[in-house]
């Protein structure tokens, strides 16, 4: 019987864009897939791990062998820029996971080495640009790349499962969510800092992303 920690996916299966309320890390045991999410498009192979922070959305396209994946809690003390990489001793993590998933996640953090393959087509360049600048002018970016706005929207949606405008809004909300617990100023200032029109716009976006109002998310614990 397959362990609840494991998920199995069929050859050429596609998971449409979705999000998880809790963060987790996926260790690919067999097969592989392309994942498109907040960290860009990643080609994940057996032996590699990919990190998912809470409330990030992604879609997955599995390859000819499908995939078998071990899912573990997101390790404490995770570096902000850790997205994809490999493990020094993946077998040790797998063995420990059967007894204690939390300790296996801690071991995974110790064994992790950044690396792996990131796709670098124009949709991926746009995704990176939207993370770096949530006020990015999509029309100007498309013109600079020699793309018509309609082609930009269609191509990005095929790669990421959502429109560039929606992706930009999600990046704003994720950045605000990460800053919120330790934000020293007002919510209006946070809204301005992360590219929202006003505090109300920030509140609606965080509510849609997490199911909670900003005031509740800001409270410690």
C-alpha atoms as a PDB file:
ATOM      1  CA  UNK A   1       0.000   0.000   0.000  1.00  0.00           C
ATOM      2  CA  UNK A   2       1.250   3.503  -0.816  1.00  0.00           C
ATOM      3  CA  UNK A   3       2.157   5.618   2.220  1.00  0.00           C
ATOM      4  CA  UNK A   4       0.066   8.794   2.782  1.00  0.00           C
ATOM      5  CA  UNK A   5       3.354  10.682   2.465  1.00  0.00           C
ATOM      6  CA  UNK A   6       3.679   9.498  -1.137  1.00  0.00           C
ATOM      7  CA  UNK A   7       1.822  10.607  -4.246  1.00  0.00           C
ATOM      8  CA  UNK A   8       1.924   8.809  -7.577  1.00  0.00           C
ATOM      9  CA  UNK A   9       1.212  10.377 -10.966  1.00  0.00           C
ATOM     10  CA  UNK A  10       0.577   8.758 -14.319  1.00  0.00           C
ATOM     11  CA  UNK A  11       2.535   9.305 -17.531  1.00  0.00           C
ATOM     12  CA  UNK A  12       1.739  12.699 -19.103  1.00  0.00           C
ATOM     13  CA  UNK A  13      -0.671  13.568 -16.300  1.00  0.00           C
ATOM     14  CA  UNK A  14      -1.296  17.279 -15.856  1.00  0.00           C
ATOM     15  CA  UNK A  15      -2.297  18.986 -12.628  1.00  0.00           C
ATOM     16  CA  UNK A  16      -3.945  22.332 -13.247  1.00  0.00           C
ATOM     17  CA  UNK A  17      -2.850  25.365 -11.260  1.00  0.00           C
ATOM     18  CA  UNK A  18      -3.602  24.957  -7.553  1.00  0.00           C
ATOM     19  CA  UNK A  19      -2.330  26.114  -4.170  1.00  0.00           C
ATOM     20  CA  UNK A  20      -1.762  24.592  -0.721  1.00  0.00           C
ATOM     21  CA  UNK A  21      -2.518  26.365   2.552  1.00  0.00           C
ATOM     22  CA  UNK A  22       0.476  24.688   4.213  1.00  0.00           C
ATOM     23  CA  UNK A  23       4.022  24.733   2.895  1.00  0.00           C
ATOM     24  CA  UNK A  24       5.739  21.462   2.043  1.00  0.00           C
ATOM     25  CA  UNK A  25       8.726  20.013   0.221  1.00  0.00           C
ATOM     26  CA  UNK A  26       8.506  17.361  -2.510  1.00  0.00           C
ATOM     27  CA  UNK A  27      11.295  14.812  -3.024  1.00  0.00           C
ATOM     28  CA  UNK A  28      10.960  13.095  -6.402  1.00  0.00           C
ATOM     29  CA  UNK A  29      11.662   9.380  -6.042  1.00  0.00           C
ATOM     30  CA  UNK A  30      10.915   8.264  -9.601  1.00  0.00           C
ATOM     31  CA  UNK A  31      10.123   9.983 -12.908  1.00  0.00           C
ATOM     32  CA  UNK A  32       9.902  13.746 -13.188  1.00  0.00           C
ATOM     33  CA  UNK A  33       7.839  16.748 -14.232  1.00  0.00           C
ATOM     34  CA  UNK A  34       7.842  20.427 -15.096  1.00  0.00           C
ATOM     35  CA  UNK A  35       6.393  22.665 -12.406  1.00  0.00           C
ATOM     36  CA  UNK A  36       5.355  26.263 -13.071  1.00  0.00           C
ATOM     37  CA  UNK A  37       4.870  28.402  -9.981  1.00  0.00           C
ATOM     38  CA  UNK A  38       6.090  31.387  -7.974  1.00  0.00           C
ATOM     39  CA  UNK A  39       9.685  30.204  -8.380  1.00  0.00           C
ATOM     40  CA  UNK A  40       9.463  30.027 -12.179  1.00  0.00           C
ATOM     41  CA  UNK A  41       9.292  26.884 -14.315  1.00  0.00           C
ATOM     42  CA  UNK A  42      11.378  24.058 -12.896  1.00  0.00           C
ATOM     43  CA  UNK A  43      12.323  20.740 -14.501  1.00  0.00           C
ATOM     44  CA  UNK A  44      12.313  18.374 -11.526  1.00  0.00           C
ATOM     45  CA  UNK A  45      13.933  14.930 -11.839  1.00  0.00           C
ATOM     46  CA  UNK A  46      14.287  11.884  -9.602  1.00  0.00           C
ATOM     47  CA  UNK A  47      16.541  12.659  -6.652  1.00  0.00           C
ATOM     48  CA  UNK A  48      15.687  16.373  -6.637  1.00  0.00           C
ATOM     49  CA  UNK A  49      13.555  18.366  -4.217  1.00  0.00           C
ATOM     50  CA  UNK A  50      11.310  21.374  -4.779  1.00  0.00           C
ATOM     51  CA  UNK A  51      10.084  23.665  -1.990  1.00  0.00           C
ATOM     52  CA  UNK A  52       6.548  25.099  -1.811  1.00  0.00           C
ATOM     53  CA  UNK A  53       5.826  27.955   0.577  1.00  0.00           C
ATOM     54  CA  UNK A  54       2.345  28.344   2.021  1.00  0.00           C
ATOM     55  CA  UNK A  55      -0.247  29.741  -0.407  1.00  0.00           C
ATOM     56  CA  UNK A  56       1.999  29.619  -3.482  1.00  0.00           C
ATOM     57  CA  UNK A  57       0.246  28.307  -6.604  1.00  0.00           C
ATOM     58  CA  UNK A  58       1.713  25.995  -9.236  1.00  0.00           C
ATOM     59  CA  UNK A  59       0.790  23.627 -12.054  1.00  0.00           C
ATOM     60  CA  UNK A  60       2.541  20.376 -12.991  1.00  0.00           C
ATOM     61  CA  UNK A  61       3.103  18.534 -16.273  1.00  0.00           C
ATOM     62  CA  UNK A  62       4.421  14.983 -15.756  1.00  0.00           C
ATOM     63  CA  UNK A  63       6.694  13.199 -18.194  1.00  0.00           C
ATOM     64  CA  UNK A  64       6.584   9.828 -19.933  1.00  0.00           C
ATOM     65  CA  UNK A  65       7.382   7.925 -16.721  1.00  0.00           C
ATOM     66  CA  UNK A  66       4.954   9.802 -14.506  1.00  0.00           C
ATOM     67  CA  UNK A  67       6.330  10.371 -11.022  1.00  0.00           C
ATOM     68  CA  UNK A  68       6.406   9.064  -7.471  1.00  0.00           C
ATOM     69  CA  UNK A  69       6.905  11.811  -4.904  1.00  0.00           C
ATOM     70  CA  UNK A  70       7.598  11.912  -1.170  1.00  0.00           C
ATOM     71  CA  UNK A  71       5.951  14.944   0.461  1.00  0.00           C
ATOM     72  CA  UNK A  72       7.351  16.256   3.745  1.00  0.00           C
ATOM     73  CA  UNK A  73       6.653  19.247   6.015  1.00  0.00           C
ATOM     74  CA  UNK A  74       8.478  22.404   5.080  1.00  0.00           C
ATOM     75  CA  UNK A  75      11.701  22.483   7.156  1.00  0.00           C
ATOM     76  CA  UNK A  76      12.120  25.195   9.777  1.00  0.00           C
ATOM     77  CA  UNK A  77      14.728  27.847   9.052  1.00  0.00           C
ATOM     78  CA  UNK A  78      14.428  27.488   5.287  1.00  0.00           C
ATOM     79  CA  UNK A  79      16.488  29.965   3.270  1.00  0.00           C
ATOM     80  CA  UNK A  80      14.339  32.386   1.296  1.00  0.00           C
ATOM     81  CA  UNK A  81      15.976  31.584  -2.050  1.00  0.00           C
ATOM     82  CA  UNK A  82      15.808  27.785  -1.740  1.00  0.00           C
ATOM     83  CA  UNK A  83      13.464  26.529  -4.456  1.00  0.00           C
ATOM     84  CA  UNK A  84      15.025  23.540  -6.241  1.00  0.00           C
ATOM     85  CA  UNK A  85      18.037  21.298  -5.639  1.00  0.00           C
ATOM     86  CA  UNK A  86      19.259  17.851  -4.661  1.00  0.00           C
ATOM     87  CA  UNK A  87      20.174  15.939  -1.497  1.00  0.00           C
ATOM     88  CA  UNK A  88      23.509  14.617  -0.362  1.00  0.00           C
ATOM     89  CA  UNK A  89      21.834  11.479   1.052  1.00  0.00           C
ATOM     90  CA  UNK A  90      18.288  11.144  -0.276  1.00  0.00           C
ATOM     91  CA  UNK A  91      18.016   7.508   0.868  1.00  0.00           C
ATOM     92  CA  UNK A  92      18.538   8.528   4.500  1.00  0.00           C
ATOM     93  CA  UNK A  93      15.719  11.070   4.228  1.00  0.00           C
ATOM     94  CA  UNK A  94      13.380   8.476   2.705  1.00  0.00           C
ATOM     95  CA  UNK A  95      14.124   5.899   5.413  1.00  0.00           C
ATOM     96  CA  UNK A  96      13.625   8.413   8.221  1.00  0.00           C
ATOM     97  CA  UNK A  97      10.360   9.682   6.704  1.00  0.00           C
ATOM     98  CA  UNK A  98       8.674   6.340   7.349  1.00  0.00           C
ATOM     99  CA  UNK A  99       9.264   6.806  11.104  1.00  0.00           C
ATOM    100  CA  UNK A 100       9.208  10.570  11.587  1.00  0.00           C
ATOM    101  CA  UNK A 101       8.323  12.977   8.729  1.00  0.00           C
ATOM    102  CA  UNK A 102       9.234  16.054  10.779  1.00  0.00           C
ATOM    103  CA  UNK A 103      12.717  14.751  11.546  1.00  0.00           C
ATOM    104  CA  UNK A 104      13.058  13.687   7.900  1.00  0.00           C
ATOM    105  CA  UNK A 105      12.304  17.286   6.873  1.00  0.00           C
ATOM    106  CA  UNK A 106      14.997  18.527   9.264  1.00  0.00           C
ATOM    107  CA  UNK A 107      17.497  16.071   7.773  1.00  0.00           C
ATOM    108  CA  UNK A 108      16.473  17.141   4.282  1.00  0.00           C
ATOM    109  CA  UNK A 109      17.375  20.721   5.170  1.00  0.00           C
ATOM    110  CA  UNK A 110      20.855  19.579   6.262  1.00  0.00           C
ATOM    111  CA  UNK A 111      21.378  17.500   3.121  1.00  0.00           C
ATOM    112  CA  UNK A 112      20.033  20.065   0.641  1.00  0.00           C
ATOM    113  CA  UNK A 113      22.222  21.516  -2.105  1.00  0.00           C
ATOM    114  CA  UNK A 114      20.744  24.215  -4.399  1.00  0.00           C
ATOM    115  CA  UNK A 115      20.763  23.410  -8.115  1.00  0.00           C
ATOM    116  CA  UNK A 116      18.575  21.884 -10.793  1.00  0.00           C
ATOM    117  CA  UNK A 117      17.184  23.083 -14.094  1.00  0.00           C
ATOM    118  CA  UNK A 118      15.113  26.229 -14.555  1.00  0.00           C
ATOM    119  CA  UNK A 119      13.454  26.878 -17.891  1.00  0.00           C
ATOM    120  CA  UNK A 120      14.332  30.203 -19.449  1.00  0.00           C
ATOM    121  CA  UNK A 121      11.838  30.920 -22.233  1.00  0.00           C
ATOM    122  CA  UNK A 122      10.184  34.306 -22.451  1.00  0.00           C
ATOM    123  CA  UNK A 123       7.273  33.315 -20.130  1.00  0.00           C
ATOM    124  CA  UNK A 124       9.883  32.481 -17.481  1.00  0.00           C
ATOM    125  CA  UNK A 125      11.663  35.792 -18.029  1.00  0.00           C
ATOM    126  CA  UNK A 126       8.320  37.541 -17.581  1.00  0.00           C
ATOM    127  CA  UNK A 127       7.549  35.576 -14.408  1.00  0.00           C
ATOM    128  CA  UNK A 128      10.917  36.590 -12.938  1.00  0.00           C
ATOM    129  CA  UNK A 129      10.357  40.209 -13.960  1.00  0.00           C
ATOM    130  CA  UNK A 130       6.926  40.233 -12.287  1.00  0.00           C
ATOM    131  CA  UNK A 131       8.422  38.922  -9.043  1.00  0.00           C
ATOM    132  CA  UNK A 132      11.195  41.514  -9.126  1.00  0.00           C
ATOM    133  CA  UNK A 133       8.857  44.392 -10.046  1.00  0.00           C
ATOM    134  CA  UNK A 134       5.169  43.937  -9.234  1.00  0.00           C
ATOM    135  CA  UNK A 135       4.451  47.321 -10.868  1.00  0.00           C
ATOM    136  CA  UNK A 136       5.877  46.102 -14.198  1.00  0.00           C
ATOM    137  CA  UNK A 137       4.161  47.565 -17.277  1.00  0.00           C
ATOM    138  CA  UNK A 138       3.078  44.479 -19.226  1.00  0.00           C
ATOM    139  CA  UNK A 139       2.490  46.406 -22.441  1.00  0.00           C
ATOM    140  CA  UNK A 140       5.969  47.906 -22.410  1.00  0.00           C
ATOM    141  CA  UNK A 141       7.507  44.521 -21.557  1.00  0.00           C
ATOM    142  CA  UNK A 142       5.676  42.843 -24.448  1.00  0.00           C
ATOM    143  CA  UNK A 143       6.786  45.581 -26.850  1.00  0.00           C
ATOM    144  CA  UNK A 144      10.381  45.196 -25.710  1.00  0.00           C
ATOM    145  CA  UNK A 145      10.215  41.463 -26.459  1.00  0.00           C
ATOM    146  CA  UNK A 146       8.531  41.983 -29.838  1.00  0.00           C
ATOM    147  CA  UNK A 147       5.307  40.297 -28.687  1.00  0.00           C
ATOM    148  CA  UNK A 148       1.716  41.356 -29.246  1.00  0.00           C
ATOM    149  CA  UNK A 149      -0.245  41.739 -25.981  1.00  0.00           C
ATOM    150  CA  UNK A 150      -2.626  38.927 -26.988  1.00  0.00           C
ATOM    151  CA  UNK A 151       0.307  36.609 -27.732  1.00  0.00           C
ATOM    152  CA  UNK A 152       1.864  37.512 -24.389  1.00  0.00           C
ATOM    153  CA  UNK A 153      -1.314  36.578 -22.531  1.00  0.00           C
ATOM    154  CA  UNK A 154      -1.892  33.305 -24.416  1.00  0.00           C
ATOM    155  CA  UNK A 155       1.716  32.127 -24.176  1.00  0.00           C
ATOM    156  CA  UNK A 156       2.032  32.933 -20.495  1.00  0.00           C
ATOM    157  CA  UNK A 157      -1.249  31.200 -19.681  1.00  0.00           C
ATOM    158  CA  UNK A 158      -0.091  28.039 -21.470  1.00  0.00           C
ATOM    159  CA  UNK A 159       3.147  28.013 -19.476  1.00  0.00           C
ATOM    160  CA  UNK A 160       1.819  29.048 -16.046  1.00  0.00           C
ATOM    161  CA  UNK A 161      -1.892  28.285 -16.054  1.00  0.00           C
ATOM    162  CA  UNK A 162      -2.930  31.872 -15.371  1.00  0.00           C
ATOM    163  CA  UNK A 163      -2.809  35.303 -17.003  1.00  0.00           C
ATOM    164  CA  UNK A 164       0.145  37.677 -16.533  1.00  0.00           C
ATOM    165  CA  UNK A 165      -2.111  40.150 -14.700  1.00  0.00           C
ATOM    166  CA  UNK A 166      -3.328  37.488 -12.276  1.00  0.00           C
ATOM    167  CA  UNK A 167       0.212  36.228 -11.739  1.00  0.00           C
ATOM    168  CA  UNK A 168       1.376  39.780 -10.986  1.00  0.00           C
ATOM    169  CA  UNK A 169      -1.411  40.208  -8.419  1.00  0.00           C
ATOM    170  CA  UNK A 170      -0.468  36.919  -6.760  1.00  0.00           C
ATOM    171  CA  UNK A 171       3.175  37.983  -6.518  1.00  0.00           C
ATOM    172  CA  UNK A 172       2.125  41.232  -4.853  1.00  0.00           C
ATOM    173  CA  UNK A 173      -0.029  39.329  -2.364  1.00  0.00           C
ATOM    174  CA  UNK A 174       2.708  36.771  -1.619  1.00  0.00           C
ATOM    175  CA  UNK A 175       5.294  39.480  -1.031  1.00  0.00           C
ATOM    176  CA  UNK A 176       2.898  41.332   1.279  1.00  0.00           C
ATOM    177  CA  UNK A 177       2.094  38.092   3.127  1.00  0.00           C
ATOM    178  CA  UNK A 178       5.785  37.357   3.748  1.00  0.00           C
ATOM    179  CA  UNK A 179       6.438  40.846   5.081  1.00  0.00           C
ATOM    180  CA  UNK A 180       3.276  41.155   7.149  1.00  0.00           C
ATOM    181  CA  UNK A 181       4.237  39.330  10.399  1.00  0.00           C
ATOM    182  CA  UNK A 182       7.165  41.685  11.043  1.00  0.00           C
ATOM    183  CA  UNK A 183       5.954  44.782   9.188  1.00  0.00           C
ATOM    184  CA  UNK A 184       6.657  47.817  11.428  1.00  0.00           C
ATOM    185  CA  UNK A 185       4.351  50.310   9.714  1.00  0.00           C
ATOM    186  CA  UNK A 186       0.670  50.620   8.796  1.00  0.00           C
ATOM    187  CA  UNK A 187      -1.178  48.307   6.412  1.00  0.00           C
ATOM    188  CA  UNK A 188      -1.631  51.290   4.098  1.00  0.00           C
ATOM    189  CA  UNK A 189       2.153  51.645   3.928  1.00  0.00           C
ATOM    190  CA  UNK A 190       2.534  47.930   3.208  1.00  0.00           C
ATOM    191  CA  UNK A 191      -0.046  48.238   0.421  1.00  0.00           C
ATOM    192  CA  UNK A 192       1.921  51.063  -1.171  1.00  0.00           C
ATOM    193  CA  UNK A 193       5.217  49.202  -0.724  1.00  0.00           C
ATOM    194  CA  UNK A 194       3.957  46.074  -2.500  1.00  0.00           C
ATOM    195  CA  UNK A 195       2.139  47.765  -5.386  1.00  0.00           C
ATOM    196  CA  UNK A 196      -1.505  47.755  -4.284  1.00  0.00           C
ATOM    197  CA  UNK A 197      -3.811  50.654  -5.024  1.00  0.00           C
ATOM    198  CA  UNK A 198      -4.730  51.049  -1.341  1.00  0.00           C
ATOM    199  CA  UNK A 199      -5.186  49.175   1.931  1.00  0.00           C
ATOM    200  CA  UNK A 200      -8.589  47.825   0.894  1.00  0.00           C
ATOM    201  CA  UNK A 201      -7.107  46.303  -2.277  1.00  0.00           C
ATOM    202  CA  UNK A 202      -4.389  44.660  -0.183  1.00  0.00           C
ATOM    203  CA  UNK A 203      -6.977  43.295   2.231  1.00  0.00           C
ATOM    204  CA  UNK A 204      -9.119  41.771  -0.511  1.00  0.00           C
ATOM    205  CA  UNK A 205      -6.098  40.151  -2.149  1.00  0.00           C
ATOM    206  CA  UNK A 206      -4.795  38.624   1.083  1.00  0.00           C
ATOM    207  CA  UNK A 207      -8.282  37.409   1.955  1.00  0.00           C
ATOM    208  CA  UNK A 208      -8.548  35.717  -1.443  1.00  0.00           C
ATOM    209  CA  UNK A 209      -5.074  34.189  -1.091  1.00  0.00           C
ATOM    210  CA  UNK A 210      -5.314  32.890   2.482  1.00  0.00           C
ATOM    211  CA  UNK A 211      -8.937  33.067   3.583  1.00  0.00           C
ATOM    212  CA  UNK A 212      -7.984  35.486   6.382  1.00  0.00           C
ATOM    213  CA  UNK A 213      -8.038  39.258   6.827  1.00  0.00           C
ATOM    214  CA  UNK A 214      -4.662  41.060   7.161  1.00  0.00           C
ATOM    215  CA  UNK A 215      -5.294  41.894  10.820  1.00  0.00           C
ATOM    216  CA  UNK A 216      -5.562  38.240  11.747  1.00  0.00           C
ATOM    217  CA  UNK A 217      -2.508  37.315   9.689  1.00  0.00           C
ATOM    218  CA  UNK A 218      -0.494  40.021  11.426  1.00  0.00           C
ATOM    219  CA  UNK A 219      -1.204  38.732  14.914  1.00  0.00           C
ATOM    220  CA  UNK A 220       1.690  36.715  16.388  1.00  0.00           C
ATOM    221  CA  UNK A 221       1.108  32.970  16.679  1.00  0.00           C
END
